[in-house]
C-alpha cells in the first residue's frame, strides 16, 4: 500500500529489515560504515537519514533503498 507522504516511511526500519534478511549483524554494519555501534543504533531508530549515507548503505548492502522509497510513495 503506498505511503501518503514521506513521514510514513521509516528508513531505519527498512535498513534494519534488510540487514536481518541478509543475516548481517549490527556489529558488521557499524564496522562496514565506519561508525560506532551507538551511532548506528541511533541512526536506525530515526525515520530519515542523510541522502549520501543512504546511497552508501544501499551500495554496501546491494539494495536500492531509494527505489523502495519511490515505490512506497507511488512516485512514477
PDB file of N, CA and C in Angstrom:
ATOM      1  N   UNK A   1       0.840  -1.168   0.000  1.00  0.00           N
ATOM      2  CA  UNK A   1       0.000   0.000   0.000  1.00  0.00           C
ATOM      3  C   UNK A   1       0.892   1.240   0.000  1.00  0.00           C
ATOM      4  N   UNK A   2       0.676   2.188  -0.916  1.00  0.00           N
ATOM      5  CA  UNK A   2       1.523   3.375  -0.991  1.00  0.00           C
ATOM      6  C   UNK A   2       1.418   4.227   0.270  1.00  0.00           C
ATOM      7  N   UNK A   3       2.541   4.821   0.624  1.00  0.00           N
ATOM      8  CA  UNK A   3       2.556   5.742   1.761  1.00  0.00           C
ATOM      9  C   UNK A   3       1.940   7.062   1.312  1.00  0.00           C
ATOM     10  N   UNK A   4       1.275   7.739   2.236  1.00  0.00           N
ATOM     11  CA  UNK A   4       0.656   9.017   1.896  1.00  0.00           C
ATOM     12  C   UNK A   4       1.679  10.130   1.775  1.00  0.00           C
ATOM     13  N   UNK A   5       2.728  10.071   2.559  1.00  0.00           N
ATOM     14  CA  UNK A   5       3.777  11.079   2.489  1.00  0.00           C
ATOM     15  C   UNK A   5       5.061  10.509   3.064  1.00  0.00           C
ATOM     16  N   UNK A   6       6.114  11.276   2.938  1.00  0.00           N
ATOM     17  CA  UNK A   6       7.432  10.800   3.344  1.00  0.00           C
ATOM     18  C   UNK A   6       7.493  10.472   4.836  1.00  0.00           C
ATOM     19  N   UNK A   7       6.666  11.109   5.656  1.00  0.00           N
ATOM     20  CA  UNK A   7       6.668  10.841   7.082  1.00  0.00           C
ATOM     21  C   UNK A   7       6.183   9.428   7.413  1.00  0.00           C
ATOM     22  N   UNK A   8       5.506   8.782   6.462  1.00  0.00           N
ATOM     23  CA  UNK A   8       5.015   7.423   6.675  1.00  0.00           C
ATOM     24  C   UNK A   8       6.095   6.362   6.427  1.00  0.00           C
ATOM     25  N   UNK A   9       7.249   6.787   5.969  1.00  0.00           N
ATOM     26  CA  UNK A   9       8.340   5.858   5.649  1.00  0.00           C
ATOM     27  C   UNK A   9       9.399   5.947   6.744  1.00  0.00           C
ATOM     28  N   UNK A  10       9.796   4.805   7.286  1.00  0.00           N
ATOM     29  CA  UNK A  10      10.806   4.754   8.351  1.00  0.00           C
ATOM     30  C   UNK A  10      12.040   4.054   7.785  1.00  0.00           C
ATOM     31  N   UNK A  11      12.985   4.836   7.302  1.00  0.00           N
ATOM     32  CA  UNK A  11      14.159   4.268   6.624  1.00  0.00           C
ATOM     33  C   UNK A  11      15.007   3.422   7.569  1.00  0.00           C
ATOM     34  N   UNK A  12      15.061   3.791   8.837  1.00  0.00           N
ATOM     35  CA  UNK A  12      15.818   2.984   9.797  1.00  0.00           C
ATOM     36  C   UNK A  12      15.287   1.569   9.891  1.00  0.00           C
ATOM     37  N   UNK A  13      13.966   1.433   9.919  1.00  0.00           N
ATOM     38  CA  UNK A  13      13.347   0.104   9.948  1.00  0.00           C
ATOM     39  C   UNK A  13      13.614  -0.656   8.656  1.00  0.00           C
ATOM     40  N   UNK A  14      13.603   0.061   7.538  1.00  0.00           N
ATOM     41  CA  UNK A  14      13.861  -0.586   6.252  1.00  0.00           C
ATOM     42  C   UNK A  14      15.286  -1.151   6.206  1.00  0.00           C
ATOM     43  N   UNK A  15      16.237  -0.375   6.679  1.00  0.00           N
ATOM     44  CA  UNK A  15      17.633  -0.822   6.696  1.00  0.00           C
ATOM     45  C   UNK A  15      17.795  -1.990   7.651  1.00  0.00           C
ATOM     46  N   UNK A  16      17.211  -1.876   8.819  1.00  0.00           N
ATOM     47  CA  UNK A  16      17.291  -2.957   9.810  1.00  0.00           C
ATOM     48  C   UNK A  16      16.713  -4.259   9.236  1.00  0.00           C
ATOM     49  N   UNK A  17      15.589  -4.163   8.533  1.00  0.00           N
ATOM     50  CA  UNK A  17      14.963  -5.347   7.932  1.00  0.00           C
ATOM     51  C   UNK A  17      15.877  -5.961   6.880  1.00  0.00           C
ATOM     52  N   UNK A  18      16.529  -5.126   6.086  1.00  0.00           N
ATOM     53  CA  UNK A  18      17.440  -5.645   5.061  1.00  0.00           C
ATOM     54  C   UNK A  18      18.658  -6.298   5.690  1.00  0.00           C
ATOM     55  N   UNK A  19      19.188  -5.705   6.751  1.00  0.00           N
ATOM     56  CA  UNK A  19      20.310  -6.326   7.451  1.00  0.00           C
ATOM     57  C   UNK A  19      19.911  -7.709   7.955  1.00  0.00           C
ATOM     58  N   UNK A  20      18.732  -7.804   8.533  1.00  0.00           N
ATOM     59  CA  UNK A  20      18.241  -9.090   9.042  1.00  0.00           C
ATOM     60  C   UNK A  20      18.064 -10.089   7.899  1.00  0.00           C
ATOM     61  N   UNK A  21      17.499  -9.640   6.791  1.00  0.00           N
ATOM     62  CA  UNK A  21      17.286 -10.524   5.640  1.00  0.00           C
ATOM     63  C   UNK A  21      18.605 -11.073   5.098  1.00  0.00           C
ATOM     64  N   UNK A  22      19.651 -10.268   5.202  1.00  0.00           N
ATOM     65  CA  UNK A  22      20.968 -10.694   4.719  1.00  0.00           C
ATOM     66  C   UNK A  22      21.783 -11.419   5.792  1.00  0.00           C
ATOM     67  N   UNK A  23      21.247 -11.522   6.984  1.00  0.00           N
ATOM     68  CA  UNK A  23      21.962 -12.189   8.062  1.00  0.00           C
ATOM     69  C   UNK A  23      23.150 -11.380   8.576  1.00  0.00           C
ATOM     70  N   UNK A  24      23.082 -10.071   8.430  1.00  0.00           N
ATOM     71  CA  UNK A  24      24.174  -9.194   8.862  1.00  0.00           C
ATOM     72  C   UNK A  24      23.922  -8.719  10.294  1.00  0.00           C
ATOM     73  N   UNK A  25      24.978  -8.592  11.055  1.00  0.00           N
ATOM     74  CA  UNK A  25      24.864  -8.111  12.429  1.00  0.00           C
ATOM     75  C   UNK A  25      25.052  -6.599  12.468  1.00  0.00           C
ATOM     76  N   UNK A  26      24.606  -6.012  13.563  1.00  0.00           N
ATOM     77  CA  UNK A  26      24.814  -4.584  13.772  1.00  0.00           C
ATOM     78  C   UNK A  26      26.313  -4.283  13.893  1.00  0.00           C
ATOM     79  N   UNK A  27      27.045  -5.200  14.495  1.00  0.00           N
ATOM     80  CA  UNK A  27      28.496  -5.025  14.616  1.00  0.00           C
ATOM     81  C   UNK A  27      29.129  -4.967  13.234  1.00  0.00           C
ATOM     82  N   UNK A  28      28.762  -5.900  12.361  1.00  0.00           N
ATOM     83  CA  UNK A  28      29.283  -5.902  10.994  1.00  0.00           C
ATOM     84  C   UNK A  28      28.940  -4.586  10.302  1.00  0.00           C
ATOM     85  N   UNK A  29      27.682  -4.163  10.420  1.00  0.00           N
ATOM     86  CA  UNK A  29      27.217  -2.956   9.761  1.00  0.00           C
ATOM     87  C   UNK A  29      27.963  -1.724  10.259  1.00  0.00           C
ATOM     88  N   UNK A  30      28.108  -1.595  11.559  1.00  0.00           N
ATOM     89  CA  UNK A  30      28.793  -0.417  12.104  1.00  0.00           C
ATOM     90  C   UNK A  30      30.251  -0.368  11.648  1.00  0.00           C
ATOM     91  N   UNK A  31      30.890  -1.515  11.597  1.00  0.00           N
ATOM     92  CA  UNK A  31      32.275  -1.558  11.118  1.00  0.00           C
ATOM     93  C   UNK A  31      32.341  -1.246   9.625  1.00  0.00           C
ATOM     94  N   UNK A  32      31.387  -1.729   8.853  1.00  0.00           N
ATOM     95  CA  UNK A  32      31.386  -1.529   7.405  1.00  0.00           C
ATOM     96  C   UNK A  32      31.175  -0.070   7.016  1.00  0.00           C
ATOM     97  N   UNK A  33      30.406   0.668   7.824  1.00  0.00           N
ATOM     98  CA  UNK A  33      30.190   2.086   7.505  1.00  0.00           C
ATOM     99  C   UNK A  33      31.069   3.003   8.367  1.00  0.00           C
ATOM    100  N   UNK A  34      31.984   2.393   9.133  1.00  0.00           N
ATOM    101  CA  UNK A  34      32.963   3.131   9.934  1.00  0.00           C
ATOM    102  C   UNK A  34      32.300   4.095  10.918  1.00  0.00           C
ATOM    103  N   UNK A  35      31.320   3.567  11.642  1.00  0.00           N
ATOM    104  CA  UNK A  35      30.633   4.341  12.674  1.00  0.00           C
ATOM    105  C   UNK A  35      30.565   3.503  13.947  1.00  0.00           C
ATOM    106  N   UNK A  36      30.589   4.180  15.079  1.00  0.00           N
ATOM    107  CA  UNK A  36      30.442   3.476  16.355  1.00  0.00           C
ATOM    108  C   UNK A  36      29.083   2.783  16.397  1.00  0.00           C
ATOM    109  N   UNK A  37      29.043   1.692  17.118  1.00  0.00           N
ATOM    110  CA  UNK A  37      27.806   0.929  17.264  1.00  0.00           C
ATOM    111  C   UNK A  37      26.670   1.810  17.784  1.00  0.00           C
ATOM    112  N   UNK A  38      26.969   2.659  18.761  1.00  0.00           N
ATOM    113  CA  UNK A  38      25.928   3.507  19.344  1.00  0.00           C
ATOM    114  C   UNK A  38      25.374   4.496  18.319  1.00  0.00           C
ATOM    115  N   UNK A  39      26.220   4.997  17.429  1.00  0.00           N
ATOM    116  CA  UNK A  39      25.778   5.918  16.370  1.00  0.00           C
ATOM    117  C   UNK A  39      24.857   5.178  15.398  1.00  0.00           C
ATOM    118  N   UNK A  40      25.230   3.963  15.034  1.00  0.00           N
ATOM    119  CA  UNK A  40      24.409   3.164  14.124  1.00  0.00           C
ATOM    120  C   UNK A  40      23.072   2.833  14.773  1.00  0.00           C
ATOM    121  N   UNK A  41      23.103   2.472  16.031  1.00  0.00           N
ATOM    122  CA  UNK A  41      21.865   2.143  16.738  1.00  0.00           C
ATOM    123  C   UNK A  41      20.912   3.338  16.716  1.00  0.00           C
ATOM    124  N   UNK A  42      21.421   4.532  16.988  1.00  0.00           N
ATOM    125  CA  UNK A  42      20.600   5.746  16.955  1.00  0.00           C
ATOM    126  C   UNK A  42      20.116   6.044  15.541  1.00  0.00           C
ATOM    127  N   UNK A  43      20.999   5.857  14.561  1.00  0.00           N
ATOM    128  CA  UNK A  43      20.647   6.130  13.170  1.00  0.00           C
ATOM    129  C   UNK A  43      19.474   5.258  12.736  1.00  0.00           C
ATOM    130  N   UNK A  44      19.465   3.998  13.116  1.00  0.00           N
ATOM    131  CA  UNK A  44      18.411   3.085  12.684  1.00  0.00           C
ATOM    132  C   UNK A  44      17.105   3.285  13.444  1.00  0.00           C
ATOM    133  N   UNK A  45      17.131   4.075  14.487  1.00  0.00           N
ATOM    134  CA  UNK A  45      15.898   4.435  15.183  1.00  0.00           C
ATOM    135  C   UNK A  45      15.200   5.613  14.506  1.00  0.00           C
ATOM    136  N   UNK A  46      15.947   6.329  13.672  1.00  0.00           N
ATOM    137  CA  UNK A  46      15.385   7.516  13.023  1.00  0.00           C
ATOM    138  C   UNK A  46      14.561   7.131  11.795  1.00  0.00           C
ATOM    139  N   UNK A  47      13.599   7.983  11.493  1.00  0.00           N
ATOM    140  CA  UNK A  47      12.749   7.770  10.324  1.00  0.00           C
ATOM    141  C   UNK A  47      13.457   8.168   9.032  1.00  0.00           C
ATOM    142  N   UNK A  48      14.430   9.056   9.121  1.00  0.00           N
ATOM    143  CA  UNK A  48      15.143   9.515   7.933  1.00  0.00           C
ATOM    144  C   UNK A  48      16.633   9.611   8.239  1.00  0.00           C
ATOM    145  N   UNK A  49      17.434   9.554   7.166  1.00  0.00           N
ATOM    146  CA  UNK A  49      18.873   9.725   7.309  1.00  0.00           C
ATOM    147  C   UNK A  49      19.375  10.545   6.134  1.00  0.00           C
ATOM    148  N   UNK A  50      20.586  10.996   6.234  1.00  0.00           N
ATOM    149  CA  UNK A  50      21.239  11.770   5.192  1.00  0.00           C
ATOM    150  C   UNK A  50      21.258  10.984   3.878  1.00  0.00           C
ATOM    151  N   UNK A  51      20.986  11.669   2.778  1.00  0.00           N
ATOM    152  CA  UNK A  51      20.911  11.019   1.476  1.00  0.00           C
ATOM    153  C   UNK A  51      22.241  10.367   1.086  1.00  0.00           C
ATOM    154  N   UNK A  52      23.347  11.044   1.317  1.00  0.00           N
ATOM    155  CA  UNK A  52      24.648  10.469   0.974  1.00  0.00           C
ATOM    156  C   UNK A  52      24.892   9.177   1.750  1.00  0.00           C
ATOM    157  N   UNK A  53      24.495   9.150   3.026  1.00  0.00           N
ATOM    158  CA  UNK A  53      24.650   7.932   3.817  1.00  0.00           C
ATOM    159  C   UNK A  53      23.730   6.840   3.293  1.00  0.00           C
ATOM    160  N   UNK A  54      22.525   7.201   2.891  1.00  0.00           N
ATOM    161  CA  UNK A  54      21.595   6.211   2.363  1.00  0.00           C
ATOM    162  C   UNK A  54      22.140   5.578   1.075  1.00  0.00           C
ATOM    163  N   UNK A  55      22.739   6.375   0.225  1.00  0.00           N
ATOM    164  CA  UNK A  55      23.343   5.851  -1.004  1.00  0.00           C
ATOM    165  C   UNK A  55      24.500   4.919  -0.642  1.00  0.00           C
ATOM    166  N   UNK A  56      25.307   5.321   0.307  1.00  0.00           N
ATOM    167  CA  UNK A  56      26.437   4.482   0.756  1.00  0.00           C
ATOM    168  C   UNK A  56      25.940   3.144   1.306  1.00  0.00           C
ATOM    169  N   UNK A  57      24.890   3.186   2.115  1.00  0.00           N
ATOM    170  CA  UNK A  57      24.324   1.967   2.677  1.00  0.00           C
ATOM    171  C   UNK A  57      23.717   1.097   1.580  1.00  0.00           C
ATOM    172  N   UNK A  58      23.047   1.728   0.626  1.00  0.00           N
ATOM    173  CA  UNK A  58      22.459   0.988  -0.497  1.00  0.00           C
ATOM    174  C   UNK A  58      23.533   0.216  -1.257  1.00  0.00           C
ATOM    175  N   UNK A  59      24.659   0.871  -1.514  1.00  0.00           N
ATOM    176  CA  UNK A  59      25.765   0.206  -2.220  1.00  0.00           C
ATOM    177  C   UNK A  59      26.343  -0.929  -1.377  1.00  0.00           C
ATOM    178  N   UNK A  60      26.550  -0.666  -0.108  1.00  0.00           N
ATOM    179  CA  UNK A  60      27.110  -1.667   0.794  1.00  0.00           C
ATOM    180  C   UNK A  60      26.246  -2.922   0.844  1.00  0.00           C
ATOM    181  N   UNK A  61      24.934  -2.729   0.954  1.00  0.00           N
ATOM    182  CA  UNK A  61      24.012  -3.863   1.079  1.00  0.00           C
ATOM    183  C   UNK A  61      23.486  -4.355  -0.270  1.00  0.00           C
ATOM    184  N   UNK A  62      23.929  -3.686  -1.332  1.00  0.00           N
ATOM    185  CA  UNK A  62      23.462  -4.039  -2.676  1.00  0.00           C
ATOM    186  C   UNK A  62      21.929  -4.066  -2.719  1.00  0.00           C
ATOM    187  N   UNK A  63      21.350  -3.002  -2.167  1.00  0.00           N
ATOM    188  CA  UNK A  63      19.884  -2.883  -2.099  1.00  0.00           C
ATOM    189  C   UNK A  63      19.513  -1.422  -2.344  1.00  0.00           C
ATOM    190  N   UNK A  64      18.605  -1.177  -3.273  1.00  0.00           N
ATOM    191  CA  UNK A  64      18.235   0.179  -3.661  1.00  0.00           C
ATOM    192  C   UNK A  64      17.119   0.725  -2.765  1.00  0.00           C
ATOM    193  N   UNK A  65      17.514   1.348  -1.662  1.00  0.00           N
ATOM    194  CA  UNK A  65      16.533   1.922  -0.741  1.00  0.00           C
ATOM    195  C   UNK A  65      15.808   3.105  -1.364  1.00  0.00           C
ATOM    196  N   UNK A  66      16.474   3.816  -2.258  1.00  0.00           N
ATOM    197  CA  UNK A  66      15.814   4.939  -2.931  1.00  0.00           C
ATOM    198  C   UNK A  66      14.645   4.442  -3.781  1.00  0.00           C
ATOM    199  N   UNK A  67      14.829   3.331  -4.443  1.00  0.00           N
ATOM    200  CA  UNK A  67      13.736   2.737  -5.217  1.00  0.00           C
ATOM    201  C   UNK A  67      12.609   2.304  -4.290  1.00  0.00           C
ATOM    202  N   UNK A  68      12.955   1.705  -3.168  1.00  0.00           N
ATOM    203  CA  UNK A  68      11.943   1.289  -2.190  1.00  0.00           C
ATOM    204  C   UNK A  68      11.107   2.484  -1.737  1.00  0.00           C
ATOM    205  N   UNK A  69      11.767   3.597  -1.481  1.00  0.00           N
ATOM    206  CA  UNK A  69      11.063   4.799  -1.040  1.00  0.00           C
ATOM    207  C   UNK A  69      10.151   5.305  -2.149  1.00  0.00           C
ATOM    208  N   UNK A  70      10.676   5.348  -3.364  1.00  0.00           N
ATOM    209  CA  UNK A  70       9.864   5.812  -4.505  1.00  0.00           C
ATOM    210  C   UNK A  70       8.642   4.930  -4.690  1.00  0.00           C
ATOM    211  N   UNK A  71       8.829   3.634  -4.596  1.00  0.00           N
ATOM    212  CA  UNK A  71       7.710   2.718  -4.763  1.00  0.00           C
ATOM    213  C   UNK A  71       6.695   2.871  -3.630  1.00  0.00           C
ATOM    214  N   UNK A  72       7.191   3.063  -2.418  1.00  0.00           N
ATOM    215  CA  UNK A  72       6.282   3.234  -1.280  1.00  0.00           C
ATOM    216  C   UNK A  72       5.473   4.532  -1.425  1.00  0.00           C
ATOM    217  N   UNK A  73       6.072   5.517  -2.048  1.00  0.00           N
ATOM    218  CA  UNK A  73       5.380   6.792  -2.260  1.00  0.00           C
ATOM    219  C   UNK A  73       4.556   6.786  -3.537  1.00  0.00           C
ATOM    220  N   UNK A  74       4.634   5.712  -4.306  1.00  0.00           N
ATOM    221  CA  UNK A  74       3.920   5.593  -5.592  1.00  0.00           C
ATOM    222  C   UNK A  74       4.308   6.719  -6.544  1.00  0.00           C
ATOM    223  N   UNK A  75       5.587   7.058  -6.545  1.00  0.00           N
ATOM    224  CA  UNK A  75       6.116   8.077  -7.461  1.00  0.00           C
ATOM    225  C   UNK A  75       6.352   7.401  -8.801  1.00  0.00           C
ATOM    226  N   UNK A  76       5.847   8.005  -9.850  1.00  0.00           N
ATOM    227  CA  UNK A  76       6.039   7.440 -11.187  1.00  0.00           C
ATOM    228  C   UNK A  76       6.866   8.352 -12.038  1.00  0.00           C
TER     229      UNK A  76
END
